[in-house]
Amino acid sequence: MEKKILLVEDDLNLGIVTKDFLEMEGFSVDHCQDGESGKTSFFNRNYQLVIIDIMLPRLDGFALAREIREKDRQVPLIFLTAKSMKEDKIRGFKAGADDYITKPFSTEELALRINAVLRRTTGEVSETETERPVFAFGKFTFDYPEQMLHINNKTIQLTRKEADVLRMLCKYQNKLLKRDVALKEIWSENDYFMGRSMDVYIAKLRKLLREDPSISIINVHNSGFKLSVE
């Protein structure tokens, strides 16, 4: 089935080149040149992935990403930007990004990153995961395929990345989850920026898990994390 991508890029020439290349790669692409039109297009159509330039007129990329995440917590987001400061990357991940690519870039690199993100977010699971798709810990029940966290009569819808991180923690319940192991399995690479991104998701999960005081995510210095269940 053809995957549909929303590309929000104000540089017309770059947008046209990127759109043409991705369509040659087999994607269907809608191109918008400002944040407001990108928001309108997203809210009226279904997309499997969104590519957002940060420096957009009318509505900047961070704001657009937040709007998208309020409507859909699962659709993959890739930020496309000329900025390379680490603070911008962290801010992007906090806004809900799944990946981040800095201009100038090759279209081949963009295609590889798109395919990597889609592989991580389409719900494909290994045999081991199929054997145990639901985890129970403390007062929580976590349905990984549905990305839902249940406690008492409350249901919390997780993003794909939140679900991926929580699944890894659950698999290593009360054991050390090494940082490099989690990064390679979830982000496919282990570097500074991916590590900071994981820290953002760990912080989000800590807030969600506070409803059960018997559960905590412990930082193990220079090693990784542990989902502690008393």
C-alpha atoms as a PDB file:
ATOM      1  CA  MET A   1       0.000   0.000   0.000  1.00  0.00           C
ATOM      2  CA  GLU A   2       1.359   3.441  -0.964  1.00  0.00           C
ATOM      3  CA  LYS A   3       2.472   5.453   2.071  1.00  0.00           C
ATOM      4  CA  LYS A   4       1.373   9.085   2.161  1.00  0.00           C
ATOM      5  CA  ILE A   5       3.754  11.773   3.436  1.00  0.00           C
ATOM      6  CA  LEU A   6       3.081  15.395   4.357  1.00  0.00           C
ATOM      7  CA  LEU A   7       6.074  17.622   3.579  1.00  0.00           C
ATOM      8  CA  VAL A   8       5.959  21.118   5.110  1.00  0.00           C
ATOM      9  CA  GLU A   9       8.870  23.115   3.657  1.00  0.00           C
ATOM     10  CA  ASP A  10       8.842  26.811   2.767  1.00  0.00           C
ATOM     11  CA  ASP A  11      11.775  26.604   0.322  1.00  0.00           C
ATOM     12  CA  LEU A  12       9.884  25.962  -2.932  1.00  0.00           C
ATOM     13  CA  ASN A  13      12.845  24.550  -4.860  1.00  0.00           C
ATOM     14  CA  LEU A  14      13.886  22.195  -2.054  1.00  0.00           C
ATOM     15  CA  GLY A  15      10.263  21.174  -1.554  1.00  0.00           C
ATOM     16  CA  ILE A  16       9.804  20.329  -5.233  1.00  0.00           C
ATOM     17  CA  VAL A  17      13.079  18.369  -5.440  1.00  0.00           C
ATOM     18  CA  THR A  18      12.319  16.450  -2.233  1.00  0.00           C
ATOM     19  CA  LYS A  19       8.732  15.721  -3.300  1.00  0.00           C
ATOM     20  CA  ASP A  20       9.818  14.474  -6.730  1.00  0.00           C
ATOM     21  CA  PHE A  21      12.516  12.238  -5.254  1.00  0.00           C
ATOM     22  CA  LEU A  22      10.246  10.703  -2.613  1.00  0.00           C
ATOM     23  CA  GLU A  23       7.567  10.034  -5.218  1.00  0.00           C
ATOM     24  CA  MET A  24      10.198   8.225  -7.302  1.00  0.00           C
ATOM     25  CA  GLU A  25      10.874   6.169  -4.167  1.00  0.00           C
ATOM     26  CA  GLY A  26       7.222   5.099  -4.128  1.00  0.00           C
ATOM     27  CA  PHE A  27       5.718   7.555  -1.624  1.00  0.00           C
ATOM     28  CA  SER A  28       2.746   9.837  -2.210  1.00  0.00           C
ATOM     29  CA  VAL A  29       3.680  13.358  -1.087  1.00  0.00           C
ATOM     30  CA  ASP A  30       1.659  16.502  -0.316  1.00  0.00           C
ATOM     31  CA  HIS A  31       3.830  19.632  -0.138  1.00  0.00           C
ATOM     32  CA  CYS A  32       2.816  22.701   1.889  1.00  0.00           C
ATOM     33  CA  GLN A  33       4.886  25.894   2.178  1.00  0.00           C
ATOM     34  CA  ASP A  34       3.795  27.231   5.578  1.00  0.00           C
ATOM     35  CA  GLY A  35       2.768  25.896   8.963  1.00  0.00           C
ATOM     36  CA  GLU A  36      -0.888  26.881   8.758  1.00  0.00           C
ATOM     37  CA  SER A  37      -1.482  25.175   5.406  1.00  0.00           C
ATOM     38  CA  GLY A  38       0.451  22.162   6.709  1.00  0.00           C
ATOM     39  CA  LYS A  39      -1.828  22.028   9.737  1.00  0.00           C
ATOM     40  CA  THR A  40      -4.943  22.288   7.543  1.00  0.00           C
ATOM     41  CA  SER A  41      -3.710  19.507   5.260  1.00  0.00           C
ATOM     42  CA  PHE A  42      -2.848  17.228   8.192  1.00  0.00           C
ATOM     43  CA  PHE A  43      -6.210  17.755   9.884  1.00  0.00           C
ATOM     44  CA  ASN A  44      -8.101  16.918   6.689  1.00  0.00           C
ATOM     45  CA  ARG A  45      -6.135  13.931   5.373  1.00  0.00           C
ATOM     46  CA  ASN A  46      -4.467  10.779   6.619  1.00  0.00           C
ATOM     47  CA  TYR A  47      -0.681  10.548   6.556  1.00  0.00           C
ATOM     48  CA  GLN A  48       1.742   7.799   7.515  1.00  0.00           C
ATOM     49  CA  LEU A  49       4.570  10.289   8.167  1.00  0.00           C
ATOM     50  CA  VAL A  50       5.131  14.068   8.400  1.00  0.00           C
ATOM     51  CA  ILE A  51       8.307  15.984   7.508  1.00  0.00           C
ATOM     52  CA  ILE A  52       8.452  19.488   9.001  1.00  0.00           C
ATOM     53  CA  ASP A  53      10.924  22.320   8.453  1.00  0.00           C
ATOM     54  CA  ILE A  54      11.392  24.266  11.695  1.00  0.00           C
ATOM     55  CA  MET A  55      11.698  27.769  10.201  1.00  0.00           C
ATOM     56  CA  LEU A  56       8.227  28.112   8.671  1.00  0.00           C
ATOM     57  CA  PRO A  57       6.093  31.208   8.044  1.00  0.00           C
ATOM     58  CA  ARG A  58       2.718  31.670   9.768  1.00  0.00           C
ATOM     59  CA  LEU A  59       3.226  28.741  12.172  1.00  0.00           C
ATOM     60  CA  ASP A  60       6.728  27.498  13.034  1.00  0.00           C
ATOM     61  CA  GLY A  61       7.680  23.844  12.969  1.00  0.00           C
ATOM     62  CA  PHE A  62       7.722  23.367  16.743  1.00  0.00           C
ATOM     63  CA  ALA A  63       4.219  24.812  17.063  1.00  0.00           C
ATOM     64  CA  LEU A  64       2.993  22.730  14.131  1.00  0.00           C
ATOM     65  CA  ALA A  65       4.432  19.571  15.695  1.00  0.00           C
ATOM     66  CA  ARG A  66       2.622  20.310  18.969  1.00  0.00           C
ATOM     67  CA  GLU A  67      -0.662  20.831  17.077  1.00  0.00           C
ATOM     68  CA  ILE A  68      -0.162  17.532  15.252  1.00  0.00           C
ATOM     69  CA  ARG A  69       0.686  15.693  18.476  1.00  0.00           C
ATOM     70  CA  GLU A  70      -2.505  16.970  20.119  1.00  0.00           C
ATOM     71  CA  LYS A  71      -4.493  15.330  17.326  1.00  0.00           C
ATOM     72  CA  ASP A  72      -2.349  12.269  16.707  1.00  0.00           C
ATOM     73  CA  ARG A  73       0.251  10.960  19.165  1.00  0.00           C
ATOM     74  CA  GLN A  74       1.397   8.163  16.886  1.00  0.00           C
ATOM     75  CA  VAL A  75       2.126   9.532  13.413  1.00  0.00           C
ATOM     76  CA  PRO A  76       5.917   9.712  12.900  1.00  0.00           C
ATOM     77  CA  LEU A  77       7.451  13.208  12.673  1.00  0.00           C
ATOM     78  CA  ILE A  78      10.814  14.106  11.127  1.00  0.00           C
ATOM     79  CA  PHE A  79      12.196  17.620  11.555  1.00  0.00           C
ATOM     80  CA  LEU A  80      14.023  19.105   8.590  1.00  0.00           C
ATOM     81  CA  THR A  81      16.081  22.197   9.417  1.00  0.00           C
ATOM     82  CA  ALA A  82      19.203  24.232   8.804  1.00  0.00           C
ATOM     83  CA  LYS A  83      19.710  24.535  12.551  1.00  0.00           C
ATOM     84  CA  SER A  84      22.272  22.225  14.125  1.00  0.00           C
ATOM     85  CA  MET A  85      22.394  23.477  17.716  1.00  0.00           C
ATOM     86  CA  LYS A  86      21.834  20.697  20.235  1.00  0.00           C
ATOM     87  CA  GLU A  87      19.192  22.815  22.013  1.00  0.00           C
ATOM     88  CA  ASP A  88      17.093  22.859  18.837  1.00  0.00           C
ATOM     89  CA  LYS A  89      17.346  19.085  18.515  1.00  0.00           C
ATOM     90  CA  ILE A  90      16.300  18.579  22.128  1.00  0.00           C
ATOM     91  CA  ARG A  91      13.413  21.019  21.668  1.00  0.00           C
ATOM     92  CA  GLY A  92      12.395  19.109  18.552  1.00  0.00           C
ATOM     93  CA  PHE A  93      12.293  15.794  20.361  1.00  0.00           C
ATOM     94  CA  LYS A  94      10.332  17.372  23.208  1.00  0.00           C
ATOM     95  CA  ALA A  95       7.813  18.583  20.615  1.00  0.00           C
ATOM     96  CA  GLY A  96       7.297  14.965  19.562  1.00  0.00           C
ATOM     97  CA  ALA A  97       9.846  14.357  16.790  1.00  0.00           C
ATOM     98  CA  ASP A  98      10.937  10.818  15.934  1.00  0.00           C
ATOM     99  CA  ASP A  99      14.002  11.942  14.006  1.00  0.00           C
ATOM    100  CA  TYR A 100      15.889  15.068  12.992  1.00  0.00           C
ATOM    101  CA  ILE A 101      17.882  15.763   9.815  1.00  0.00           C
ATOM    102  CA  THR A 102      20.008  18.861   9.274  1.00  0.00           C
ATOM    103  CA  LYS A 103      20.344  20.714   5.983  1.00  0.00           C
ATOM    104  CA  PRO A 104      22.140  20.308   3.656  1.00  0.00           C
ATOM    105  CA  PHE A 105      21.284  16.635   3.315  1.00  0.00           C
ATOM    106  CA  SER A 106      21.163  14.094   0.534  1.00  0.00           C
ATOM    107  CA  THR A 107      17.776  12.876  -0.622  1.00  0.00           C
ATOM    108  CA  GLU A 108      19.106   9.327  -0.245  1.00  0.00           C
ATOM    109  CA  GLU A 109      19.832   9.993   3.447  1.00  0.00           C
ATOM    110  CA  LEU A 110      16.323  11.382   3.919  1.00  0.00           C
ATOM    111  CA  ALA A 111      14.803   8.296   2.289  1.00  0.00           C
ATOM    112  CA  LEU A 112      16.859   6.016   4.538  1.00  0.00           C
ATOM    113  CA  ARG A 113      15.764   7.915   7.641  1.00  0.00           C
ATOM    114  CA  ILE A 114      12.117   7.823   6.540  1.00  0.00           C
ATOM    115  CA  ASN A 115      12.250   4.069   6.030  1.00  0.00           C
ATOM    116  CA  ALA A 116      14.026   3.563   9.379  1.00  0.00           C
ATOM    117  CA  VAL A 117      11.377   5.611  11.219  1.00  0.00           C
ATOM    118  CA  LEU A 118       8.555   3.768   9.470  1.00  0.00           C
ATOM    119  CA  ARG A 119      10.084   0.405  10.400  1.00  0.00           C
ATOM    120  CA  ARG A 120      10.209   1.505  14.034  1.00  0.00           C
ATOM    121  CA  THR A 121       6.661   2.875  14.076  1.00  0.00           C
ATOM    122  CA  THR A 122       4.563   0.474  12.022  1.00  0.00           C
ATOM    123  CA  GLY A 123       4.098  -1.967  14.898  1.00  0.00           C
ATOM    124  CA  GLU A 124       6.145  -4.811  13.455  1.00  0.00           C
ATOM    125  CA  VAL A 125       7.085  -7.099  16.336  1.00  0.00           C
ATOM    126  CA  SER A 126       9.473  -9.974  16.809  1.00  0.00           C
ATOM    127  CA  GLU A 127       8.409 -13.458  17.871  1.00  0.00           C
ATOM    128  CA  THR A 128       9.443 -12.678  21.438  1.00  0.00           C
ATOM    129  CA  GLU A 129       7.255  -9.586  21.524  1.00  0.00           C
ATOM    130  CA  THR A 130       4.328 -11.499  20.035  1.00  0.00           C
ATOM    131  CA  GLU A 131       4.583 -13.998  22.886  1.00  0.00           C
ATOM    132  CA  ARG A 132       4.175 -11.245  25.446  1.00  0.00           C
ATOM    133  CA  PRO A 133       2.485  -8.152  23.983  1.00  0.00           C
ATOM    134  CA  VAL A 134       0.900  -7.118  27.315  1.00  0.00           C
ATOM    135  CA  PHE A 135       2.895  -6.341  30.457  1.00  0.00           C
ATOM    136  CA  ALA A 136       1.547  -6.137  34.015  1.00  0.00           C
ATOM    137  CA  PHE A 137       3.580  -4.301  36.667  1.00  0.00           C
ATOM    138  CA  GLY A 138       2.364  -2.773  39.915  1.00  0.00           C
ATOM    139  CA  LYS A 139      -1.095  -1.312  39.333  1.00  0.00           C
ATOM    140  CA  PHE A 140      -0.426  -0.867  35.613  1.00  0.00           C
ATOM    141  CA  THR A 141      -1.250  -2.962  32.574  1.00  0.00           C
ATOM    142  CA  PHE A 142       0.623  -2.007  29.413  1.00  0.00           C
ATOM    143  CA  ASP A 143      -0.708  -3.086  26.011  1.00  0.00           C
ATOM    144  CA  TYR A 144       2.297  -2.585  23.737  1.00  0.00           C
ATOM    145  CA  PRO A 145       0.658  -3.240  20.319  1.00  0.00           C
ATOM    146  CA  GLU A 146      -2.141  -0.763  21.140  1.00  0.00           C
ATOM    147  CA  GLN A 147       0.278   1.645  22.899  1.00  0.00           C
ATOM    148  CA  MET A 148      -2.088   1.881  25.869  1.00  0.00           C
ATOM    149  CA  LEU A 149      -1.213   2.121  29.548  1.00  0.00           C
ATOM    150  CA  HIS A 150      -4.029   1.202  31.962  1.00  0.00           C
ATOM    151  CA  ILE A 151      -4.325   1.929  35.679  1.00  0.00           C
ATOM    152  CA  ASN A 152      -7.548   1.483  37.634  1.00  0.00           C
ATOM    153  CA  ASN A 153     -10.237   2.830  35.268  1.00  0.00           C
ATOM    154  CA  LYS A 154      -7.884   5.197  33.453  1.00  0.00           C
ATOM    155  CA  THR A 155      -6.344   4.631  30.019  1.00  0.00           C
ATOM    156  CA  ILE A 156      -3.345   6.595  28.763  1.00  0.00           C
ATOM    157  CA  GLN A 157      -2.555   6.607  25.050  1.00  0.00           C
ATOM    158  CA  LEU A 158       1.204   6.543  24.489  1.00  0.00           C
ATOM    159  CA  THR A 159       3.175   7.667  21.461  1.00  0.00           C
ATOM    160  CA  ARG A 160       5.023   4.955  19.561  1.00  0.00           C
ATOM    161  CA  LYS A 161       8.371   6.060  21.002  1.00  0.00           C
ATOM    162  CA  GLU A 162       6.988   6.181  24.566  1.00  0.00           C
ATOM    163  CA  ALA A 163       5.649   2.663  24.049  1.00  0.00           C
ATOM    164  CA  ASP A 164       8.968   1.438  22.640  1.00  0.00           C
ATOM    165  CA  VAL A 165      10.909   2.778  25.630  1.00  0.00           C
ATOM    166  CA  LEU A 166       8.410   1.411  28.159  1.00  0.00           C
ATOM    167  CA  ARG A 167       8.455  -2.004  26.474  1.00  0.00           C
ATOM    168  CA  MET A 168      12.231  -2.159  26.861  1.00  0.00           C
ATOM    169  CA  LEU A 169      11.973  -1.174  30.524  1.00  0.00           C
ATOM    170  CA  CYS A 170       9.297  -3.824  31.103  1.00  0.00           C
ATOM    171  CA  LYS A 171      11.406  -6.512  29.449  1.00  0.00           C
ATOM    172  CA  TYR A 172      14.185  -5.662  31.908  1.00  0.00           C
ATOM    173  CA  GLN A 173      11.895  -5.151  34.932  1.00  0.00           C
ATOM    174  CA  ASN A 174      13.992  -4.835  38.128  1.00  0.00           C
ATOM    175  CA  LYS A 175      17.125  -5.376  36.010  1.00  0.00           C
ATOM    176  CA  LEU A 176      19.567  -2.982  34.390  1.00  0.00           C
ATOM    177  CA  LEU A 177      18.569  -1.823  30.918  1.00  0.00           C
ATOM    178  CA  LYS A 178      21.849  -0.686  29.425  1.00  0.00           C
ATOM    179  CA  ARG A 179      21.661   2.672  27.710  1.00  0.00           C
ATOM    180  CA  ASP A 180      23.454   1.532  24.552  1.00  0.00           C
ATOM    181  CA  VAL A 181      21.194  -1.512  24.203  1.00  0.00           C
ATOM    182  CA  ALA A 182      18.046   0.634  24.340  1.00  0.00           C
ATOM    183  CA  LEU A 183      19.429   3.230  21.928  1.00  0.00           C
ATOM    184  CA  LYS A 184      20.458   0.675  19.326  1.00  0.00           C
ATOM    185  CA  GLU A 185      17.140  -1.191  19.500  1.00  0.00           C
ATOM    186  CA  ILE A 186      14.828   1.840  19.541  1.00  0.00           C
ATOM    187  CA  TRP A 187      16.797   4.528  17.658  1.00  0.00           C
ATOM    188  CA  SER A 188      19.137   2.228  15.677  1.00  0.00           C
ATOM    189  CA  GLU A 189      22.118   4.328  16.755  1.00  0.00           C
ATOM    190  CA  ASN A 190      23.944   5.407  19.895  1.00  0.00           C
ATOM    191  CA  ASP A 191      25.027   9.032  19.924  1.00  0.00           C
ATOM    192  CA  TYR A 192      24.680  12.132  22.105  1.00  0.00           C
ATOM    193  CA  PHE A 193      21.499  13.467  20.513  1.00  0.00           C
ATOM    194  CA  MET A 194      19.684  10.117  20.507  1.00  0.00           C
ATOM    195  CA  GLY A 195      20.711   9.717  24.147  1.00  0.00           C
ATOM    196  CA  ARG A 196      19.222  13.086  25.049  1.00  0.00           C
ATOM    197  CA  SER A 197      16.062  12.142  23.167  1.00  0.00           C
ATOM    198  CA  MET A 198      15.764   8.962  25.233  1.00  0.00           C
ATOM    199  CA  ASP A 199      16.180  11.027  28.417  1.00  0.00           C
ATOM    200  CA  VAL A 200      13.189  13.126  27.326  1.00  0.00           C
ATOM    201  CA  TYR A 201      11.005  10.018  26.951  1.00  0.00           C
ATOM    202  CA  ILE A 202      12.226   8.570  30.255  1.00  0.00           C
ATOM    203  CA  ALA A 203      11.170  11.836  31.951  1.00  0.00           C
ATOM    204  CA  LYS A 204       7.720  11.632  30.317  1.00  0.00           C
ATOM    205  CA  LEU A 205       7.252   8.031  31.451  1.00  0.00           C
ATOM    206  CA  ARG A 206       8.299   8.897  35.009  1.00  0.00           C
ATOM    207  CA  LYS A 207       5.463  11.416  35.180  1.00  0.00           C
ATOM    208  CA  LEU A 208       2.940   8.865  33.885  1.00  0.00           C
ATOM    209  CA  LEU A 209       4.064   6.163  36.309  1.00  0.00           C
ATOM    210  CA  ARG A 210       3.811   8.395  39.406  1.00  0.00           C
ATOM    211  CA  GLU A 211       0.244   7.197  39.908  1.00  0.00           C
ATOM    212  CA  ASP A 212       1.681   4.033  41.444  1.00  0.00           C
ATOM    213  CA  PRO A 213       4.243   4.947  44.159  1.00  0.00           C
ATOM    214  CA  SER A 214       5.596   1.383  44.169  1.00  0.00           C
ATOM    215  CA  ILE A 215       7.056   1.964  40.692  1.00  0.00           C
ATOM    216  CA  SER A 216      10.023   4.089  39.718  1.00  0.00           C
ATOM    217  CA  ILE A 217      12.511   4.445  36.885  1.00  0.00           C
ATOM    218  CA  ILE A 218      15.974   4.578  38.401  1.00  0.00           C
ATOM    219  CA  ASN A 219      19.012   6.128  36.727  1.00  0.00           C
ATOM    220  CA  VAL A 220      21.993   3.788  37.050  1.00  0.00           C
ATOM    221  CA  HIS A 221      25.033   6.068  36.806  1.00  0.00           C
ATOM    222  CA  ASN A 222      26.913   5.752  33.501  1.00  0.00           C
ATOM    223  CA  SER A 223      25.068   2.530  32.711  1.00  0.00           C
ATOM    224  CA  GLY A 224      21.380   2.902  31.988  1.00  0.00           C
ATOM    225  CA  PHE A 225      17.993   2.592  33.666  1.00  0.00           C
ATOM    226  CA  LYS A 226      16.011   0.210  35.810  1.00  0.00           C
ATOM    227  CA  LEU A 227      12.226  -0.122  36.063  1.00  0.00           C
ATOM    228  CA  SER A 228      11.917  -0.790  39.791  1.00  0.00           C
ATOM    229  CA  VAL A 229       8.716  -2.535  40.887  1.00  0.00           C
ATOM    230  CA  GLU A 230       8.413  -3.149  44.639  1.00  0.00           C
END
